[in-house]
Amino acid sequence: MESKGQARIEQYLSFNLGEGLFAVEVRRTKEILDYREPTKVPQTPDYMLGVINLRGAVVPVIDLRRKLGLPARDVSQATCIVVLEIARDEEVLTVGVVTDSVQEVLELGAEEIEPPPRIGSGLNIDYIRGMGKKGDNFIILLDANRIFSSDEIVLLQGDLDPAVLCA
């Protein structure tokens, strides 16, 4: 329970995509994995790299750079798969997103978060929760539940047998 005058602090997992610093709520983060090559699934969008077998569960893996329209980058030693839990219509979907590197857990109070930028009517930036401020730097706070459209969620929920995937 918050007392009067006490700011609500939220924790975010920060990560790099190119020169940008992004973050998602820690409570949406299930785990962080070293990068492993996903098994490609035919006829999926270019941002869907494939699926991995995570302790018997099929987890779709998304190239977050491609999904957000950023230029491609080769996999490095720092490349990670951040496994997120996305809530959609009473269901929780587990999805891995590839990041260039994971940085740290940040604590941000309401006074350190600006609303998303107003860029114009032609762009959909509903997936941006806000802009965090740490010193002179901005962190793009992503809303994990809004990164994917309803159609994309249906694609990600596809029924695949984990037995056919390599461990």
C-alpha atoms as a PDB file:
ATOM      1  CA  MET A   1       0.000   0.000   0.000  1.00  0.00           C
ATOM      2  CA  GLU A   2       1.379   3.388  -0.944  1.00  0.00           C
ATOM      3  CA  SER A   3       1.381   6.116   1.636  1.00  0.00           C
ATOM      4  CA  LYS A   4       0.553   9.659   0.647  1.00  0.00           C
ATOM      5  CA  GLY A   5       3.528  11.352  -0.991  1.00  0.00           C
ATOM      6  CA  GLN A   6       5.324   8.054  -1.662  1.00  0.00           C
ATOM      7  CA  ALA A   7       6.060   7.547  -5.362  1.00  0.00           C
ATOM      8  CA  ARG A   8       5.379   4.141  -6.881  1.00  0.00           C
ATOM      9  CA  ILE A   9       8.586   2.524  -8.082  1.00  0.00           C
ATOM     10  CA  GLU A  10       8.535  -0.091 -10.862  1.00  0.00           C
ATOM     11  CA  GLN A  11      11.338  -2.368 -11.980  1.00  0.00           C
ATOM     12  CA  TYR A  12      12.336  -2.744 -15.639  1.00  0.00           C
ATOM     13  CA  LEU A  13      14.787  -5.073 -17.357  1.00  0.00           C
ATOM     14  CA  SER A  14      16.878  -2.932 -19.705  1.00  0.00           C
ATOM     15  CA  PHE A  15      18.515  -4.176 -22.895  1.00  0.00           C
ATOM     16  CA  ASN A  16      20.170  -2.845 -26.023  1.00  0.00           C
ATOM     17  CA  LEU A  17      18.961  -2.967 -29.585  1.00  0.00           C
ATOM     18  CA  GLY A  18      21.649  -1.205 -31.598  1.00  0.00           C
ATOM     19  CA  GLU A  19      22.346   2.183 -30.080  1.00  0.00           C
ATOM     20  CA  GLY A  20      18.961   2.262 -28.341  1.00  0.00           C
ATOM     21  CA  LEU A  21      18.220   1.333 -24.759  1.00  0.00           C
ATOM     22  CA  PHE A  22      14.889  -0.413 -24.228  1.00  0.00           C
ATOM     23  CA  ALA A  23      13.202  -1.959 -21.207  1.00  0.00           C
ATOM     24  CA  VAL A  24      10.257  -4.172 -20.239  1.00  0.00           C
ATOM     25  CA  GLU A  25       8.645  -4.635 -16.855  1.00  0.00           C
ATOM     26  CA  VAL A  26      10.534  -7.180 -14.770  1.00  0.00           C
ATOM     27  CA  ARG A  27       7.247  -8.856 -13.843  1.00  0.00           C
ATOM     28  CA  ARG A  28       6.789  -9.774 -17.551  1.00  0.00           C
ATOM     29  CA  THR A  29      10.270 -11.335 -17.714  1.00  0.00           C
ATOM     30  CA  LYS A  30      10.369 -15.076 -17.139  1.00  0.00           C
ATOM     31  CA  GLU A  31      14.078 -15.636 -17.751  1.00  0.00           C
ATOM     32  CA  ILE A  32      17.134 -14.636 -19.773  1.00  0.00           C
ATOM     33  CA  LEU A  33      18.850 -17.217 -21.975  1.00  0.00           C
ATOM     34  CA  ASP A  34      22.119 -17.269 -23.851  1.00  0.00           C
ATOM     35  CA  TYR A  35      21.332 -17.126 -27.547  1.00  0.00           C
ATOM     36  CA  ARG A  36      20.639 -20.433 -29.241  1.00  0.00           C
ATOM     37  CA  GLU A  37      19.623 -20.930 -32.851  1.00  0.00           C
ATOM     38  CA  PRO A  38      15.834 -21.387 -33.095  1.00  0.00           C
ATOM     39  CA  THR A  39      14.266 -24.065 -35.297  1.00  0.00           C
ATOM     40  CA  LYS A  40      12.803 -22.223 -38.291  1.00  0.00           C
ATOM     41  CA  VAL A  41       9.063 -22.576 -38.863  1.00  0.00           C
ATOM     42  CA  PRO A  42       8.033 -22.317 -42.541  1.00  0.00           C
ATOM     43  CA  GLN A  43       5.729 -19.545 -43.735  1.00  0.00           C
ATOM     44  CA  THR A  44       6.195 -17.265 -40.755  1.00  0.00           C
ATOM     45  CA  PRO A  45       6.976 -13.532 -40.839  1.00  0.00           C
ATOM     46  CA  ASP A  46      10.652 -12.575 -41.203  1.00  0.00           C
ATOM     47  CA  TYR A  47      10.798 -11.301 -37.613  1.00  0.00           C
ATOM     48  CA  MET A  48       9.849 -14.766 -36.300  1.00  0.00           C
ATOM     49  CA  LEU A  49      13.166 -16.598 -36.129  1.00  0.00           C
ATOM     50  CA  GLY A  50      11.574 -19.897 -35.146  1.00  0.00           C
ATOM     51  CA  VAL A  51      10.990 -21.802 -31.935  1.00  0.00           C
ATOM     52  CA  ILE A  52      13.071 -23.235 -29.115  1.00  0.00           C
ATOM     53  CA  ASN A  53      12.383 -26.093 -26.740  1.00  0.00           C
ATOM     54  CA  LEU A  54      12.414 -24.663 -23.227  1.00  0.00           C
ATOM     55  CA  ARG A  55      12.132 -27.563 -20.777  1.00  0.00           C
ATOM     56  CA  GLY A  56       9.569 -29.306 -22.976  1.00  0.00           C
ATOM     57  CA  ALA A  57       7.617 -26.183 -23.942  1.00  0.00           C
ATOM     58  CA  VAL A  58       7.621 -24.692 -27.436  1.00  0.00           C
ATOM     59  CA  VAL A  59       8.589 -21.027 -27.243  1.00  0.00           C
ATOM     60  CA  PRO A  60       8.414 -18.807 -30.340  1.00  0.00           C
ATOM     61  CA  VAL A  61      11.485 -16.595 -30.761  1.00  0.00           C
ATOM     62  CA  ILE A  62      11.161 -13.124 -32.255  1.00  0.00           C
ATOM     63  CA  ASP A  63      13.909 -10.878 -33.610  1.00  0.00           C
ATOM     64  CA  LEU A  64      12.852  -7.731 -31.773  1.00  0.00           C
ATOM     65  CA  ARG A  65      15.042  -5.601 -34.058  1.00  0.00           C
ATOM     66  CA  ARG A  66      13.094  -6.705 -37.152  1.00  0.00           C
ATOM     67  CA  LYS A  67       9.757  -6.474 -35.353  1.00  0.00           C
ATOM     68  CA  LEU A  68      10.481  -2.839 -34.459  1.00  0.00           C
ATOM     69  CA  GLY A  69      11.855  -1.987 -37.920  1.00  0.00           C
ATOM     70  CA  LEU A  70      15.492  -1.647 -36.843  1.00  0.00           C
ATOM     71  CA  PRO A  71      18.410  -2.775 -39.035  1.00  0.00           C
ATOM     72  CA  ALA A  72      19.624  -6.376 -38.666  1.00  0.00           C
ATOM     73  CA  ARG A  73      22.739  -7.193 -36.684  1.00  0.00           C
ATOM     74  CA  ASP A  74      24.816 -10.356 -36.436  1.00  0.00           C
ATOM     75  CA  VAL A  75      24.590 -12.501 -33.318  1.00  0.00           C
ATOM     76  CA  SER A  76      27.400 -11.825 -30.817  1.00  0.00           C
ATOM     77  CA  GLN A  77      28.488 -13.300 -27.490  1.00  0.00           C
ATOM     78  CA  ALA A  78      26.286 -10.725 -25.739  1.00  0.00           C
ATOM     79  CA  THR A  79      23.130 -11.626 -27.723  1.00  0.00           C
ATOM     80  CA  CYS A  80      20.398 -12.960 -25.425  1.00  0.00           C
ATOM     81  CA  ILE A  81      16.883 -14.309 -25.622  1.00  0.00           C
ATOM     82  CA  VAL A  82      14.655 -12.612 -23.069  1.00  0.00           C
ATOM     83  CA  VAL A  83      11.688 -14.862 -22.342  1.00  0.00           C
ATOM     84  CA  LEU A  84       8.563 -12.786 -21.717  1.00  0.00           C
ATOM     85  CA  GLU A  85       5.077 -13.649 -20.555  1.00  0.00           C
ATOM     86  CA  ILE A  86       2.507 -11.719 -22.554  1.00  0.00           C
ATOM     87  CA  ALA A  87      -1.057 -11.450 -21.248  1.00  0.00           C
ATOM     88  CA  ARG A  88      -3.786 -11.521 -23.869  1.00  0.00           C
ATOM     89  CA  ASP A  89      -7.499 -12.283 -23.343  1.00  0.00           C
ATOM     90  CA  GLU A  90      -7.237 -14.354 -20.148  1.00  0.00           C
ATOM     91  CA  GLU A  91      -4.228 -16.267 -21.539  1.00  0.00           C
ATOM     92  CA  VAL A  92      -0.523 -15.922 -20.945  1.00  0.00           C
ATOM     93  CA  LEU A  93       1.736 -16.499 -23.944  1.00  0.00           C
ATOM     94  CA  THR A  94       5.438 -17.195 -23.492  1.00  0.00           C
ATOM     95  CA  VAL A  95       7.639 -15.696 -26.194  1.00  0.00           C
ATOM     96  CA  GLY A  96      11.386 -15.150 -26.524  1.00  0.00           C
ATOM     97  CA  VAL A  97      12.715 -11.873 -27.894  1.00  0.00           C
ATOM     98  CA  VAL A  98      16.278 -11.571 -29.159  1.00  0.00           C
ATOM     99  CA  THR A  99      18.195  -8.577 -27.806  1.00  0.00           C
ATOM    100  CA  ASP A 100      21.728  -7.401 -28.563  1.00  0.00           C
ATOM    101  CA  SER A 101      22.596  -7.466 -24.859  1.00  0.00           C
ATOM    102  CA  VAL A 102      20.882  -7.294 -21.485  1.00  0.00           C
ATOM    103  CA  GLN A 103      21.954  -4.416 -19.259  1.00  0.00           C
ATOM    104  CA  GLU A 104      20.424  -4.221 -15.794  1.00  0.00           C
ATOM    105  CA  VAL A 105      17.275  -3.994 -13.743  1.00  0.00           C
ATOM    106  CA  LEU A 106      16.255  -0.365 -13.389  1.00  0.00           C
ATOM    107  CA  GLU A 107      13.949   1.130 -10.809  1.00  0.00           C
ATOM    108  CA  LEU A 108      11.906   4.022 -12.150  1.00  0.00           C
ATOM    109  CA  GLY A 109       9.433   6.191 -10.299  1.00  0.00           C
ATOM    110  CA  ALA A 110       6.486   7.892 -11.993  1.00  0.00           C
ATOM    111  CA  GLU A 111       8.446  11.168 -12.055  1.00  0.00           C
ATOM    112  CA  GLU A 112      11.131   9.466 -14.176  1.00  0.00           C
ATOM    113  CA  ILE A 113       8.713   8.340 -16.900  1.00  0.00           C
ATOM    114  CA  GLU A 114       7.468  10.605 -19.670  1.00  0.00           C
ATOM    115  CA  PRO A 115       4.512   9.713 -21.904  1.00  0.00           C
ATOM    116  CA  PRO A 116       5.283   8.127 -25.294  1.00  0.00           C
ATOM    117  CA  PRO A 117       6.347  10.629 -27.958  1.00  0.00           C
ATOM    118  CA  ARG A 118       3.729  12.017 -30.299  1.00  0.00           C
ATOM    119  CA  ILE A 119       5.146  11.155 -33.700  1.00  0.00           C
ATOM    120  CA  GLY A 120       2.171  11.554 -36.010  1.00  0.00           C
ATOM    121  CA  SER A 121      -0.967   9.742 -36.986  1.00  0.00           C
ATOM    122  CA  GLY A 122       0.593   7.350 -39.522  1.00  0.00           C
ATOM    123  CA  LEU A 123       2.732   5.389 -37.059  1.00  0.00           C
ATOM    124  CA  ASN A 124       1.553   2.830 -34.544  1.00  0.00           C
ATOM    125  CA  ILE A 125       3.606   3.188 -31.370  1.00  0.00           C
ATOM    126  CA  ASP A 126       1.036   1.743 -28.967  1.00  0.00           C
ATOM    127  CA  TYR A 127       3.714  -0.716 -27.850  1.00  0.00           C
ATOM    128  CA  ILE A 128       5.690   2.136 -26.241  1.00  0.00           C
ATOM    129  CA  ARG A 129       4.603   2.489 -22.635  1.00  0.00           C
ATOM    130  CA  GLY A 130       6.686   5.583 -22.010  1.00  0.00           C
ATOM    131  CA  MET A 131      10.147   7.095 -21.996  1.00  0.00           C
ATOM    132  CA  GLY A 132      12.201   6.441 -18.886  1.00  0.00           C
ATOM    133  CA  LYS A 133      14.807   8.978 -17.820  1.00  0.00           C
ATOM    134  CA  LYS A 134      18.074   8.044 -16.119  1.00  0.00           C
ATOM    135  CA  GLY A 135      20.471  10.948 -16.023  1.00  0.00           C
ATOM    136  CA  ASP A 136      20.761  12.335 -19.562  1.00  0.00           C
ATOM    137  CA  ASN A 137      19.615   9.070 -21.169  1.00  0.00           C
ATOM    138  CA  PHE A 138      16.193   7.984 -22.357  1.00  0.00           C
ATOM    139  CA  ILE A 139      15.037   4.386 -22.141  1.00  0.00           C
ATOM    140  CA  ILE A 140      12.170   3.301 -24.395  1.00  0.00           C
ATOM    141  CA  LEU A 141       9.778   1.412 -22.123  1.00  0.00           C
ATOM    142  CA  LEU A 142       7.981  -1.283 -24.088  1.00  0.00           C
ATOM    143  CA  ASP A 143       4.541  -2.617 -23.221  1.00  0.00           C
ATOM    144  CA  ALA A 144       5.101  -6.369 -23.664  1.00  0.00           C
ATOM    145  CA  ASN A 145       1.352  -6.935 -24.041  1.00  0.00           C
ATOM    146  CA  ARG A 146       1.172  -4.583 -27.038  1.00  0.00           C
ATOM    147  CA  ILE A 147       4.268  -5.461 -29.056  1.00  0.00           C
ATOM    148  CA  PHE A 148       2.222  -7.961 -31.059  1.00  0.00           C
ATOM    149  CA  SER A 149      -1.141  -7.482 -32.789  1.00  0.00           C
ATOM    150  CA  SER A 150      -4.018  -9.935 -32.268  1.00  0.00           C
ATOM    151  CA  ASP A 151      -3.215 -11.630 -35.604  1.00  0.00           C
ATOM    152  CA  GLU A 152       0.421 -12.036 -34.579  1.00  0.00           C
ATOM    153  CA  ILE A 153      -0.628 -13.516 -31.231  1.00  0.00           C
ATOM    154  CA  VAL A 154      -2.692 -16.141 -33.069  1.00  0.00           C
ATOM    155  CA  LEU A 155       0.392 -16.993 -35.145  1.00  0.00           C
ATOM    156  CA  LEU A 156       2.590 -17.209 -32.051  1.00  0.00           C
ATOM    157  CA  GLN A 157       0.088 -19.506 -30.312  1.00  0.00           C
ATOM    158  CA  GLY A 158       0.352 -22.098 -33.081  1.00  0.00           C
ATOM    159  CA  ASP A 159       0.269 -25.701 -31.898  1.00  0.00           C
ATOM    160  CA  LEU A 160       3.692 -27.266 -32.371  1.00  0.00           C
ATOM    161  CA  ASP A 161       4.854 -30.518 -30.806  1.00  0.00           C
ATOM    162  CA  PRO A 162       7.946 -29.968 -28.620  1.00  0.00           C
ATOM    163  CA  ALA A 163       9.039 -33.550 -29.377  1.00  0.00           C
ATOM    164  CA  VAL A 164       9.963 -32.528 -32.923  1.00  0.00           C
ATOM    165  CA  LEU A 165      12.310 -29.791 -31.754  1.00  0.00           C
ATOM    166  CA  CYS A 166      15.950 -30.205 -30.926  1.00  0.00           C
ATOM    167  CA  ALA A 167      16.772 -29.559 -27.272  1.00  0.00           C
END
